[in-house]
Amino acid sequence: MHHAVVDGYSLALIFNRTAAVYTALAGGLSADEGAFPAFARLTDAEAGYRASKSFARDRAHWLDRTADRPAPVSLSGRSGPLAVGRRRTAELTPDRVGRLEAAADRLGVTWSDLAVSTITAYLALATGARELQLGLPTGGRLSPQVRNVPGMTMNILPLRLDADAALPLREFARRVSREVRQVLLHSRYPTAEISREAVARGGGARLWGRWSTS
């Protein structure tokens, strides 16, 4: 299924529902229980959000946060298409995951906050930029009424960070954690709206470089 129709969360819903239907039918049982709610729940929730004070508050937040945003950075310049692709993979073993989680616990942040912190520090080191803006994927399903409705609700929002090399890792990771929380508080606002408003103010539509934290 195309990402324009469903997001990754929805695929998990669909796979689980398919397995439940198959199991029920194989056992001669009804598969009606557990059917997905109507898709109108998603569209109604979106319409309600756009007409709410929350939408206005989120818009004001993002207008302020992106008013003087830093220029997008990239680890690569312009290049032609490659005839042969190159890929390097590494396995995140349970042992490595455990070490990452333990390090995050010592710093007082989540493991994902620590991962974002290290990505930001690497980008700052590689590009020489101190102020960075990355793309942070968010689920967009804040209401319990829409959590079991397949559809495309995922959003990618600008995460603006000051990569101050003088900060100790603990302080930097906690600063990143606070910024992530701010993004999540305003995560329903569509990134397409942020881009359109950036263009209307005379800026570019591109909010970050070829890099997101997905």
N, C-alpha and C. Protein backbone atom coordinates (compact mmCIF):
# COMPACT_ATOMS: atom_id res chain seq x y z
N MET A 1 0.83 -1.19 0.00
CA MET A 1 0.00 0.00 0.00
C MET A 1 0.87 1.25 0.00
N HIS A 2 0.44 2.27 -0.75
CA HIS A 2 1.23 3.49 -0.88
C HIS A 2 1.16 4.32 0.39
N HIS A 3 2.26 5.01 0.68
CA HIS A 3 2.33 5.83 1.89
C HIS A 3 1.36 7.01 1.84
N ALA A 4 0.88 7.36 0.67
CA ALA A 4 -0.11 8.43 0.57
C ALA A 4 -1.46 7.99 1.12
N VAL A 5 -1.66 6.69 1.24
CA VAL A 5 -2.95 6.15 1.68
C VAL A 5 -2.90 5.73 3.15
N VAL A 6 -1.85 5.03 3.53
CA VAL A 6 -1.72 4.56 4.91
C VAL A 6 -0.29 4.80 5.41
N ASP A 7 -0.16 4.99 6.70
CA ASP A 7 1.16 5.11 7.31
C ASP A 7 1.59 3.78 7.92
N GLY A 8 2.78 3.75 8.49
CA GLY A 8 3.30 2.50 9.05
C GLY A 8 2.44 1.96 10.18
N TYR A 9 1.91 2.83 11.00
CA TYR A 9 1.03 2.41 12.08
C TYR A 9 -0.20 1.71 11.52
N SER A 10 -0.75 2.25 10.43
CA SER A 10 -1.94 1.65 9.82
C SER A 10 -1.64 0.28 9.24
N LEU A 11 -0.43 0.11 8.69
CA LEU A 11 -0.07 -1.21 8.16
C LEU A 11 -0.11 -2.27 9.26
N ALA A 12 0.37 -1.90 10.44
CA ALA A 12 0.31 -2.84 11.57
C ALA A 12 -1.14 -3.17 11.92
N LEU A 13 -2.02 -2.16 11.89
CA LEU A 13 -3.44 -2.41 12.14
C LEU A 13 -4.01 -3.38 11.11
N ILE A 14 -3.67 -3.16 9.85
CA ILE A 14 -4.20 -3.99 8.76
C ILE A 14 -3.68 -5.42 8.86
N PHE A 15 -2.39 -5.57 9.13
CA PHE A 15 -1.81 -6.92 9.26
C PHE A 15 -2.47 -7.67 10.41
N ASN A 16 -2.64 -7.00 11.55
CA ASN A 16 -3.26 -7.66 12.71
C ASN A 16 -4.71 -8.02 12.43
N ARG A 17 -5.42 -7.14 11.75
CA ARG A 17 -6.82 -7.42 11.43
C ARG A 17 -6.93 -8.57 10.43
N THR A 18 -6.03 -8.60 9.45
CA THR A 18 -6.02 -9.69 8.48
C THR A 18 -5.80 -11.03 9.17
N ALA A 19 -4.85 -11.05 10.10
CA ALA A 19 -4.57 -12.29 10.84
C ALA A 19 -5.78 -12.70 11.68
N ALA A 20 -6.46 -11.73 12.29
CA ALA A 20 -7.62 -12.04 13.12
C ALA A 20 -8.77 -12.60 12.27
N VAL A 21 -8.99 -12.00 11.09
CA VAL A 21 -10.05 -12.48 10.20
C VAL A 21 -9.73 -13.89 9.71
N TYR A 22 -8.49 -14.12 9.31
CA TYR A 22 -8.08 -15.44 8.82
C TYR A 22 -8.28 -16.49 9.91
N THR A 23 -7.85 -16.17 11.13
CA THR A 23 -7.98 -17.12 12.24
C THR A 23 -9.44 -17.44 12.53
N ALA A 24 -10.28 -16.39 12.51
CA ALA A 24 -11.70 -16.59 12.79
C ALA A 24 -12.35 -17.47 11.73
N LEU A 25 -12.10 -17.16 10.46
CA LEU A 25 -12.71 -17.93 9.37
C LEU A 25 -12.20 -19.36 9.35
N ALA A 26 -10.91 -19.53 9.64
CA ALA A 26 -10.35 -20.89 9.66
C ALA A 26 -10.98 -21.73 10.76
N GLY A 27 -11.43 -21.07 11.81
CA GLY A 27 -12.07 -21.79 12.90
C GLY A 27 -13.57 -21.85 12.80
N GLY A 28 -14.11 -21.39 11.66
CA GLY A 28 -15.55 -21.41 11.47
C GLY A 28 -16.30 -20.39 12.30
N LEU A 29 -15.62 -19.32 12.69
CA LEU A 29 -16.23 -18.30 13.53
C LEU A 29 -16.50 -17.03 12.73
N SER A 30 -17.29 -16.15 13.29
CA SER A 30 -17.57 -14.86 12.65
C SER A 30 -16.36 -13.94 12.79
N ALA A 31 -16.09 -13.18 11.75
CA ALA A 31 -14.97 -12.24 11.77
C ALA A 31 -15.45 -10.81 11.96
N ASP A 32 -16.72 -10.63 12.34
CA ASP A 32 -17.27 -9.28 12.46
C ASP A 32 -16.66 -8.50 13.63
N GLU A 33 -16.39 -9.19 14.71
CA GLU A 33 -15.86 -8.49 15.88
C GLU A 33 -14.47 -7.93 15.58
N GLY A 34 -14.25 -6.69 15.95
CA GLY A 34 -12.95 -6.07 15.73
C GLY A 34 -12.83 -5.36 14.41
N ALA A 35 -13.94 -5.19 13.68
CA ALA A 35 -13.89 -4.48 12.40
C ALA A 35 -13.45 -3.03 12.62
N PHE A 36 -12.78 -2.47 11.62
CA PHE A 36 -12.30 -1.10 11.74
C PHE A 36 -13.45 -0.10 11.79
N PRO A 37 -13.30 0.97 12.57
CA PRO A 37 -14.30 2.05 12.54
C PRO A 37 -14.32 2.71 11.17
N ALA A 38 -15.37 3.48 10.91
CA ALA A 38 -15.50 4.17 9.62
C ALA A 38 -14.37 5.17 9.43
N PHE A 39 -13.90 5.30 8.18
CA PHE A 39 -12.83 6.24 7.86
C PHE A 39 -13.24 7.68 8.16
N ALA A 40 -14.55 7.92 8.18
CA ALA A 40 -15.05 9.27 8.46
C ALA A 40 -14.57 9.78 9.82
N ARG A 41 -14.22 8.88 10.71
CA ARG A 41 -13.70 9.32 12.01
C ARG A 41 -12.44 10.16 11.84
N LEU A 42 -11.58 9.74 10.90
CA LEU A 42 -10.36 10.49 10.66
C LEU A 42 -10.66 11.86 10.06
N THR A 43 -11.50 11.88 9.03
CA THR A 43 -11.79 13.15 8.37
C THR A 43 -12.55 14.09 9.29
N ASP A 44 -13.46 13.54 10.09
CA ASP A 44 -14.19 14.38 11.04
C ASP A 44 -13.26 14.96 12.10
N ALA A 45 -12.33 14.13 12.56
CA ALA A 45 -11.37 14.60 13.57
C ALA A 45 -10.48 15.71 13.01
N GLU A 46 -10.08 15.56 11.75
CA GLU A 46 -9.24 16.59 11.12
C GLU A 46 -10.02 17.89 10.94
N ALA A 47 -11.27 17.78 10.51
CA ALA A 47 -12.09 18.97 10.34
C ALA A 47 -12.32 19.67 11.68
N GLY A 48 -12.56 18.88 12.72
CA GLY A 48 -12.75 19.45 14.04
C GLY A 48 -11.51 20.16 14.55
N TYR A 49 -10.34 19.56 14.29
CA TYR A 49 -9.09 20.17 14.71
C TYR A 49 -8.86 21.51 14.02
N ARG A 50 -9.10 21.55 12.71
CA ARG A 50 -8.86 22.78 11.96
C ARG A 50 -9.80 23.91 12.39
N ALA A 51 -10.93 23.57 12.95
CA ALA A 51 -11.88 24.59 13.41
C ALA A 51 -11.69 24.93 14.89
N SER A 52 -10.69 24.35 15.53
CA SER A 52 -10.53 24.50 16.97
C SER A 52 -9.49 25.56 17.34
N LYS A 53 -9.49 25.91 18.63
CA LYS A 53 -8.48 26.84 19.15
C LYS A 53 -7.10 26.19 19.16
N SER A 54 -7.07 24.87 19.25
CA SER A 54 -5.79 24.16 19.23
C SER A 54 -5.06 24.40 17.92
N PHE A 55 -5.81 24.40 16.82
CA PHE A 55 -5.21 24.66 15.51
C PHE A 55 -4.58 26.05 15.48
N ALA A 56 -5.30 27.04 16.00
CA ALA A 56 -4.79 28.41 16.02
C ALA A 56 -3.55 28.52 16.90
N ARG A 57 -3.56 27.84 18.05
CA ARG A 57 -2.39 27.87 18.93
C ARG A 57 -1.19 27.19 18.28
N ASP A 58 -1.43 26.05 17.64
CA ASP A 58 -0.34 25.35 16.96
C ASP A 58 0.22 26.19 15.83
N ARG A 59 -0.65 26.84 15.08
CA ARG A 59 -0.19 27.70 13.98
C ARG A 59 0.70 28.82 14.51
N ALA A 60 0.27 29.46 15.59
CA ALA A 60 1.07 30.54 16.17
C ALA A 60 2.43 30.02 16.63
N HIS A 61 2.44 28.82 17.21
CA HIS A 61 3.70 28.22 17.66
C HIS A 61 4.65 28.03 16.50
N TRP A 62 4.17 27.45 15.40
CA TRP A 62 5.05 27.14 14.28
C TRP A 62 5.45 28.39 13.50
N LEU A 63 4.58 29.38 13.45
CA LEU A 63 4.97 30.65 12.82
C LEU A 63 6.14 31.27 13.58
N ASP A 64 6.06 31.23 14.89
CA ASP A 64 7.14 31.79 15.71
C ASP A 64 8.40 30.94 15.62
N ARG A 65 8.25 29.63 15.64
CA ARG A 65 9.41 28.74 15.68
C ARG A 65 10.18 28.73 14.36
N THR A 66 9.52 29.01 13.27
CA THR A 66 10.18 28.95 11.96
C THR A 66 10.40 30.33 11.35
N ALA A 67 10.17 31.39 12.13
CA ALA A 67 10.29 32.75 11.59
C ALA A 67 11.70 33.04 11.08
N ASP A 68 12.72 32.64 11.83
CA ASP A 68 14.11 32.89 11.43
C ASP A 68 14.88 31.58 11.41
N ARG A 69 14.28 30.59 10.82
CA ARG A 69 14.85 29.24 10.86
C ARG A 69 16.20 29.20 10.15
N PRO A 70 17.08 28.29 10.58
CA PRO A 70 18.38 28.15 9.93
C PRO A 70 18.24 27.52 8.55
N ALA A 71 19.21 27.79 7.70
CA ALA A 71 19.20 27.20 6.36
C ALA A 71 19.37 25.69 6.47
N PRO A 72 18.69 24.93 5.60
CA PRO A 72 18.85 23.47 5.64
C PRO A 72 20.30 23.06 5.37
N VAL A 73 20.75 22.03 6.04
CA VAL A 73 22.10 21.52 5.81
C VAL A 73 22.01 20.13 5.21
N SER A 74 23.07 19.74 4.52
CA SER A 74 23.11 18.42 3.90
C SER A 74 24.53 17.88 4.00
N LEU A 75 24.65 16.58 4.02
CA LEU A 75 25.96 15.95 4.04
C LEU A 75 26.52 15.75 2.64
N SER A 76 25.75 16.09 1.63
CA SER A 76 26.19 15.89 0.25
C SER A 76 25.84 17.10 -0.59
N GLY A 77 26.57 17.28 -1.68
CA GLY A 77 26.26 18.34 -2.63
C GLY A 77 25.40 17.80 -3.76
N ARG A 78 25.29 18.57 -4.81
CA ARG A 78 24.54 18.13 -5.98
C ARG A 78 25.36 17.10 -6.75
N SER A 79 24.71 16.04 -7.18
CA SER A 79 25.41 15.00 -7.93
C SER A 79 24.44 14.34 -8.90
N GLY A 80 25.01 13.72 -9.92
CA GLY A 80 24.20 13.02 -10.89
C GLY A 80 23.78 11.66 -10.36
N PRO A 81 22.85 10.99 -11.05
CA PRO A 81 22.40 9.67 -10.61
C PRO A 81 23.52 8.64 -10.71
N LEU A 82 23.57 7.75 -9.75
CA LEU A 82 24.58 6.69 -9.74
C LEU A 82 24.10 5.50 -10.54
N ALA A 83 25.01 4.91 -11.31
CA ALA A 83 24.65 3.71 -12.07
C ALA A 83 24.50 2.52 -11.12
N VAL A 84 25.30 2.51 -10.08
CA VAL A 84 25.26 1.42 -9.11
C VAL A 84 25.09 2.03 -7.72
N GLY A 85 24.09 1.58 -7.01
CA GLY A 85 23.86 2.10 -5.67
C GLY A 85 24.83 1.51 -4.66
N ARG A 86 25.01 2.21 -3.56
CA ARG A 86 25.88 1.73 -2.49
C ARG A 86 25.09 1.75 -1.19
N ARG A 87 25.28 0.73 -0.41
CA ARG A 87 24.55 0.62 0.84
C ARG A 87 25.43 -0.04 1.90
N ARG A 88 25.32 0.49 3.10
CA ARG A 88 26.04 -0.12 4.22
C ARG A 88 25.03 -0.36 5.33
N THR A 89 24.99 -1.56 5.83
CA THR A 89 24.03 -1.91 6.87
C THR A 89 24.77 -2.36 8.13
N ALA A 90 24.11 -2.20 9.25
CA ALA A 90 24.65 -2.67 10.52
C ALA A 90 23.50 -3.19 11.36
N GLU A 91 23.78 -4.18 12.16
CA GLU A 91 22.74 -4.79 12.99
C GLU A 91 22.71 -4.15 14.37
N LEU A 92 21.52 -3.72 14.78
CA LEU A 92 21.35 -3.20 16.13
C LEU A 92 20.94 -4.37 17.01
N THR A 93 21.93 -5.03 17.56
CA THR A 93 21.70 -6.25 18.34
C THR A 93 21.04 -5.92 19.68
N PRO A 94 20.42 -6.93 20.32
CA PRO A 94 19.83 -6.69 21.65
C PRO A 94 20.83 -6.13 22.65
N ASP A 95 22.09 -6.56 22.55
CA ASP A 95 23.11 -6.04 23.46
C ASP A 95 23.34 -4.55 23.24
N ARG A 96 23.39 -4.15 21.97
CA ARG A 96 23.59 -2.73 21.67
C ARG A 96 22.38 -1.90 22.09
N VAL A 97 21.19 -2.46 21.88
CA VAL A 97 19.97 -1.76 22.31
C VAL A 97 19.99 -1.57 23.82
N GLY A 98 20.40 -2.61 24.54
CA GLY A 98 20.47 -2.52 26.00
C GLY A 98 21.45 -1.46 26.46
N ARG A 99 22.59 -1.37 25.78
CA ARG A 99 23.59 -0.36 26.14
C ARG A 99 23.07 1.04 25.84
N LEU A 100 22.36 1.18 24.72
CA LEU A 100 21.78 2.48 24.37
C LEU A 100 20.74 2.91 25.40
N GLU A 101 19.88 1.97 25.80
CA GLU A 101 18.85 2.28 26.79
C GLU A 101 19.48 2.61 28.15
N ALA A 102 20.53 1.90 28.51
CA ALA A 102 21.20 2.17 29.79
C ALA A 102 21.84 3.55 29.78
N ALA A 103 22.45 3.91 28.67
CA ALA A 103 23.06 5.24 28.56
C ALA A 103 22.00 6.33 28.65
N ALA A 104 20.87 6.11 27.99
CA ALA A 104 19.78 7.08 28.05
C ALA A 104 19.25 7.23 29.48
N ASP A 105 19.13 6.11 30.19
CA ASP A 105 18.67 6.16 31.58
C ASP A 105 19.62 6.98 32.45
N ARG A 106 20.91 6.81 32.23
CA ARG A 106 21.89 7.57 33.02
C ARG A 106 21.78 9.07 32.75
N LEU A 107 21.41 9.42 31.53
CA LEU A 107 21.29 10.84 31.15
C LEU A 107 19.93 11.42 31.51
N GLY A 108 18.97 10.56 31.86
CA GLY A 108 17.64 11.04 32.20
C GLY A 108 16.78 11.36 31.01
N VAL A 109 17.02 10.67 29.86
CA VAL A 109 16.22 10.88 28.65
C VAL A 109 15.80 9.53 28.10
N THR A 110 14.98 9.54 27.06
CA THR A 110 14.62 8.30 26.38
C THR A 110 15.71 7.92 25.40
N TRP A 111 15.70 6.65 24.97
CA TRP A 111 16.73 6.23 24.01
C TRP A 111 16.57 6.96 22.68
N SER A 112 15.32 7.28 22.30
CA SER A 112 15.11 8.01 21.04
C SER A 112 15.64 9.44 21.14
N ASP A 113 15.49 10.07 22.32
CA ASP A 113 16.07 11.40 22.52
C ASP A 113 17.59 11.35 22.40
N LEU A 114 18.19 10.31 22.95
CA LEU A 114 19.64 10.15 22.85
C LEU A 114 20.06 9.95 21.40
N ALA A 115 19.28 9.17 20.65
CA ALA A 115 19.60 8.96 19.24
C ALA A 115 19.54 10.27 18.46
N VAL A 116 18.50 11.07 18.71
CA VAL A 116 18.39 12.37 18.04
C VAL A 116 19.55 13.27 18.43
N SER A 117 19.95 13.21 19.69
CA SER A 117 21.07 14.03 20.16
C SER A 117 22.36 13.69 19.42
N THR A 118 22.63 12.40 19.25
CA THR A 118 23.86 11.99 18.58
C THR A 118 23.82 12.33 17.09
N ILE A 119 22.65 12.19 16.47
CA ILE A 119 22.51 12.58 15.06
C ILE A 119 22.77 14.07 14.90
N THR A 120 22.20 14.86 15.80
CA THR A 120 22.39 16.31 15.73
C THR A 120 23.85 16.69 15.92
N ALA A 121 24.50 16.08 16.90
CA ALA A 121 25.91 16.38 17.15
C ALA A 121 26.77 16.00 15.94
N TYR A 122 26.45 14.87 15.32
CA TYR A 122 27.21 14.45 14.14
C TYR A 122 27.02 15.42 12.99
N LEU A 123 25.78 15.84 12.75
CA LEU A 123 25.51 16.79 11.67
C LEU A 123 26.23 18.11 11.92
N ALA A 124 26.22 18.57 13.16
CA ALA A 124 26.90 19.82 13.48
C ALA A 124 28.40 19.70 13.22
N LEU A 125 28.98 18.58 13.61
CA LEU A 125 30.40 18.35 13.41
C LEU A 125 30.74 18.24 11.93
N ALA A 126 29.89 17.54 11.17
CA ALA A 126 30.17 17.30 9.75
C ALA A 126 29.94 18.53 8.88
N THR A 127 29.01 19.38 9.27
CA THR A 127 28.65 20.53 8.43
C THR A 127 29.19 21.86 8.94
N GLY A 128 29.59 21.90 10.20
CA GLY A 128 30.06 23.15 10.78
C GLY A 128 28.95 24.08 11.23
N ALA A 129 27.71 23.63 11.11
CA ALA A 129 26.56 24.45 11.51
C ALA A 129 26.25 24.22 12.98
N ARG A 130 25.99 25.29 13.69
CA ARG A 130 25.63 25.14 15.11
C ARG A 130 24.13 25.01 15.28
N GLU A 131 23.37 25.81 14.55
CA GLU A 131 21.91 25.74 14.66
C GLU A 131 21.37 24.89 13.52
N LEU A 132 20.61 23.87 13.86
CA LEU A 132 20.13 22.89 12.89
C LEU A 132 18.63 22.71 13.01
N GLN A 133 18.04 22.33 11.90
CA GLN A 133 16.62 21.99 11.90
C GLN A 133 16.45 20.65 11.18
N LEU A 134 15.97 19.66 11.92
CA LEU A 134 15.77 18.32 11.39
C LEU A 134 14.28 18.04 11.27
N GLY A 135 13.95 17.00 10.54
CA GLY A 135 12.55 16.57 10.44
C GLY A 135 12.26 15.48 11.46
N LEU A 136 11.26 15.70 12.32
CA LEU A 136 10.90 14.73 13.36
C LEU A 136 9.56 14.09 13.02
N PRO A 137 9.53 12.79 12.71
CA PRO A 137 8.25 12.12 12.42
C PRO A 137 7.38 12.02 13.68
N THR A 138 6.10 12.27 13.53
CA THR A 138 5.14 12.12 14.62
C THR A 138 3.93 11.35 14.11
N GLY A 139 3.25 10.67 15.03
CA GLY A 139 2.14 9.80 14.63
C GLY A 139 0.87 10.51 14.24
N GLY A 140 0.59 11.65 14.87
CA GLY A 140 -0.61 12.40 14.53
C GLY A 140 -1.91 11.80 15.03
N ARG A 141 -1.83 10.81 15.91
CA ARG A 141 -3.06 10.16 16.42
C ARG A 141 -3.18 10.45 17.92
N LEU A 142 -3.53 11.66 18.24
CA LEU A 142 -3.62 12.06 19.64
C LEU A 142 -4.96 11.71 20.26
N SER A 143 -5.96 11.49 19.44
CA SER A 143 -7.30 11.18 19.95
C SER A 143 -7.52 9.67 19.97
N PRO A 144 -8.04 9.12 21.08
CA PRO A 144 -8.33 7.68 21.13
C PRO A 144 -9.34 7.24 20.08
N GLN A 145 -10.19 8.14 19.62
CA GLN A 145 -11.22 7.79 18.65
C GLN A 145 -10.65 7.41 17.28
N VAL A 146 -9.41 7.82 16.99
CA VAL A 146 -8.87 7.55 15.65
C VAL A 146 -7.70 6.56 15.68
N ARG A 147 -7.39 6.02 16.82
CA ARG A 147 -6.20 5.17 16.91
C ARG A 147 -6.36 3.83 16.21
N ASN A 148 -7.59 3.41 15.96
CA ASN A 148 -7.81 2.13 15.28
C ASN A 148 -8.39 2.32 13.89
N VAL A 149 -8.21 3.50 13.31
CA VAL A 149 -8.71 3.78 11.96
C VAL A 149 -7.52 3.85 11.00
N PRO A 150 -7.42 2.92 10.04
CA PRO A 150 -6.31 2.99 9.08
C PRO A 150 -6.41 4.25 8.23
N GLY A 151 -5.26 4.84 7.96
CA GLY A 151 -5.21 6.04 7.13
C GLY A 151 -3.83 6.66 7.25
N MET A 152 -3.66 7.81 6.64
CA MET A 152 -2.37 8.50 6.66
C MET A 152 -2.46 9.70 7.60
N THR A 153 -1.91 9.56 8.79
CA THR A 153 -1.92 10.67 9.75
C THR A 153 -0.51 11.10 10.14
N MET A 154 0.51 10.33 9.75
CA MET A 154 1.87 10.67 10.14
C MET A 154 2.26 12.05 9.64
N ASN A 155 2.99 12.76 10.46
CA ASN A 155 3.43 14.11 10.15
C ASN A 155 4.93 14.18 10.40
N ILE A 156 5.64 15.00 9.64
CA ILE A 156 7.06 15.24 9.90
C ILE A 156 7.21 16.73 10.15
N LEU A 157 7.67 17.08 11.34
CA LEU A 157 7.70 18.48 11.76
C LEU A 157 9.13 18.94 12.04
N PRO A 158 9.37 20.25 11.90
CA PRO A 158 10.73 20.75 12.12
C PRO A 158 11.15 20.72 13.59
N LEU A 159 12.27 20.11 13.83
CA LEU A 159 12.87 20.05 15.16
C LEU A 159 14.11 20.94 15.14
N ARG A 160 14.01 22.08 15.80
CA ARG A 160 15.08 23.08 15.76
C ARG A 160 15.97 22.93 16.98
N LEU A 161 17.27 22.80 16.75
CA LEU A 161 18.20 22.51 17.84
C LEU A 161 19.45 23.37 17.76
N ASP A 162 19.94 23.75 18.91
CA ASP A 162 21.20 24.48 19.02
C ASP A 162 22.27 23.49 19.45
N ALA A 163 23.15 23.15 18.52
CA ALA A 163 24.19 22.15 18.79
C ALA A 163 25.42 22.83 19.37
N ASP A 164 25.32 23.24 20.61
CA ASP A 164 26.42 23.92 21.30
C ASP A 164 27.45 22.88 21.74
N ALA A 165 28.62 22.91 21.11
CA ALA A 165 29.65 21.91 21.39
C ALA A 165 30.19 22.02 22.81
N ALA A 166 29.96 23.15 23.46
CA ALA A 166 30.48 23.33 24.82
C ALA A 166 29.63 22.64 25.88
N LEU A 167 28.44 22.22 25.50
CA LEU A 167 27.54 21.60 26.47
C LEU A 167 27.96 20.16 26.77
N PRO A 168 27.91 19.74 28.03
CA PRO A 168 28.11 18.32 28.35
C PRO A 168 26.98 17.50 27.73
N LEU A 169 27.25 16.23 27.48
CA LEU A 169 26.26 15.38 26.82
C LEU A 169 24.94 15.35 27.59
N ARG A 170 24.99 15.25 28.92
CA ARG A 170 23.77 15.18 29.71
C ARG A 170 22.89 16.41 29.47
N GLU A 171 23.48 17.59 29.53
CA GLU A 171 22.71 18.82 29.35
C GLU A 171 22.18 18.93 27.92
N PHE A 172 23.03 18.56 26.95
CA PHE A 172 22.60 18.64 25.55
C PHE A 172 21.46 17.68 25.28
N ALA A 173 21.57 16.44 25.77
CA ALA A 173 20.52 15.45 25.54
C ALA A 173 19.21 15.89 26.19
N ARG A 174 19.28 16.49 27.36
CA ARG A 174 18.06 16.96 28.01
C ARG A 174 17.46 18.16 27.28
N ARG A 175 18.32 19.00 26.71
CA ARG A 175 17.80 20.11 25.91
C ARG A 175 17.08 19.56 24.68
N VAL A 176 17.68 18.57 24.03
CA VAL A 176 17.03 17.94 22.88
C VAL A 176 15.69 17.34 23.30
N SER A 177 15.67 16.67 24.44
CA SER A 177 14.43 16.06 24.93
C SER A 177 13.34 17.10 25.12
N ARG A 178 13.69 18.26 25.66
CA ARG A 178 12.69 19.32 25.85
C ARG A 178 12.16 19.82 24.52
N GLU A 179 13.04 19.96 23.54
CA GLU A 179 12.61 20.43 22.22
C GLU A 179 11.70 19.40 21.54
N VAL A 180 12.02 18.13 21.70
CA VAL A 180 11.16 17.08 21.15
C VAL A 180 9.78 17.14 21.78
N ARG A 181 9.72 17.35 23.09
CA ARG A 181 8.42 17.46 23.77
C ARG A 181 7.61 18.63 23.22
N GLN A 182 8.27 19.74 22.92
CA GLN A 182 7.57 20.90 22.36
C GLN A 182 6.98 20.58 20.99
N VAL A 183 7.74 19.86 20.18
CA VAL A 183 7.21 19.45 18.87
C VAL A 183 5.98 18.57 19.05
N LEU A 184 6.05 17.63 19.97
CA LEU A 184 4.94 16.70 20.17
C LEU A 184 3.70 17.42 20.69
N LEU A 185 3.88 18.49 21.47
CA LEU A 185 2.73 19.25 21.96
C LEU A 185 1.96 19.92 20.83
N HIS A 186 2.64 20.17 19.72
CA HIS A 186 2.01 20.86 18.58
C HIS A 186 2.08 20.00 17.32
N SER A 187 1.99 18.68 17.51
CA SER A 187 2.30 17.75 16.42
C SER A 187 1.16 17.52 15.44
N ARG A 188 -0.02 18.05 15.70
CA ARG A 188 -1.13 17.84 14.76
C ARG A 188 -1.09 18.84 13.60
N TYR A 189 -0.35 19.91 13.76
CA TYR A 189 -0.35 20.94 12.72
C TYR A 189 0.38 20.42 11.48
N PRO A 190 -0.25 20.46 10.30
CA PRO A 190 0.34 19.85 9.11
C PRO A 190 1.61 20.55 8.65
N THR A 191 2.63 19.78 8.35
CA THR A 191 3.88 20.37 7.86
C THR A 191 3.67 21.09 6.53
N ALA A 192 2.68 20.65 5.74
CA ALA A 192 2.40 21.34 4.48
C ALA A 192 1.98 22.78 4.73
N GLU A 193 1.24 23.01 5.82
CA GLU A 193 0.84 24.38 6.17
C GLU A 193 2.06 25.21 6.56
N ILE A 194 2.98 24.61 7.29
CA ILE A 194 4.20 25.32 7.69
C ILE A 194 5.00 25.72 6.45
N SER A 195 5.11 24.81 5.49
CA SER A 195 5.85 25.10 4.26
C SER A 195 5.18 26.21 3.46
N ARG A 196 3.85 26.14 3.34
CA ARG A 196 3.14 27.18 2.58
C ARG A 196 3.31 28.55 3.22
N GLU A 197 3.25 28.59 4.55
CA GLU A 197 3.39 29.87 5.22
C GLU A 197 4.82 30.38 5.14
N ALA A 198 5.79 29.47 5.10
CA ALA A 198 7.18 29.89 4.93
C ALA A 198 7.38 30.55 3.57
N VAL A 199 6.76 29.99 2.53
CA VAL A 199 6.85 30.57 1.19
C VAL A 199 6.15 31.92 1.16
N ALA A 200 4.99 32.01 1.81
CA ALA A 200 4.23 33.26 1.82
C ALA A 200 5.01 34.39 2.49
N ARG A 201 5.90 34.03 3.40
CA ARG A 201 6.72 35.04 4.09
C ARG A 201 8.02 35.33 3.34
N GLY A 202 8.15 34.76 2.15
CA GLY A 202 9.32 35.04 1.34
C GLY A 202 10.47 34.07 1.52
N GLY A 203 10.24 32.99 2.24
CA GLY A 203 11.28 31.99 2.43
C GLY A 203 11.07 30.79 1.51
N GLY A 204 11.90 29.78 1.68
CA GLY A 204 11.75 28.56 0.89
C GLY A 204 10.83 27.58 1.58
N ALA A 205 10.29 26.66 0.78
CA ALA A 205 9.38 25.66 1.33
C ALA A 205 10.13 24.54 2.04
N ARG A 206 11.41 24.41 1.77
CA ARG A 206 12.20 23.33 2.35
C ARG A 206 12.55 23.66 3.81
N LEU A 207 12.10 22.83 4.72
CA LEU A 207 12.27 23.11 6.14
C LEU A 207 13.52 22.47 6.73
N TRP A 208 14.03 21.42 6.10
CA TRP A 208 15.25 20.77 6.56
C TRP A 208 15.95 20.18 5.35
N GLY A 209 17.20 19.73 5.55
CA GLY A 209 17.94 19.14 4.45
C GLY A 209 17.52 17.71 4.20
N ARG A 210 18.37 16.97 3.52
CA ARG A 210 18.04 15.58 3.20
C ARG A 210 18.28 14.71 4.43
N TRP A 211 17.65 15.08 5.50
CA TRP A 211 17.90 14.37 6.74
C TRP A 211 16.71 14.55 7.66
N SER A 212 16.18 13.45 8.12
CA SER A 212 15.17 13.50 9.17
C SER A 212 15.52 12.43 10.18
N THR A 213 14.84 12.45 11.31
CA THR A 213 15.16 11.50 12.38
C THR A 213 14.33 10.24 12.28
N SER A 214 13.73 9.98 11.10
CA SER A 214 12.90 8.78 10.94
C SER A 214 13.77 7.55 10.85
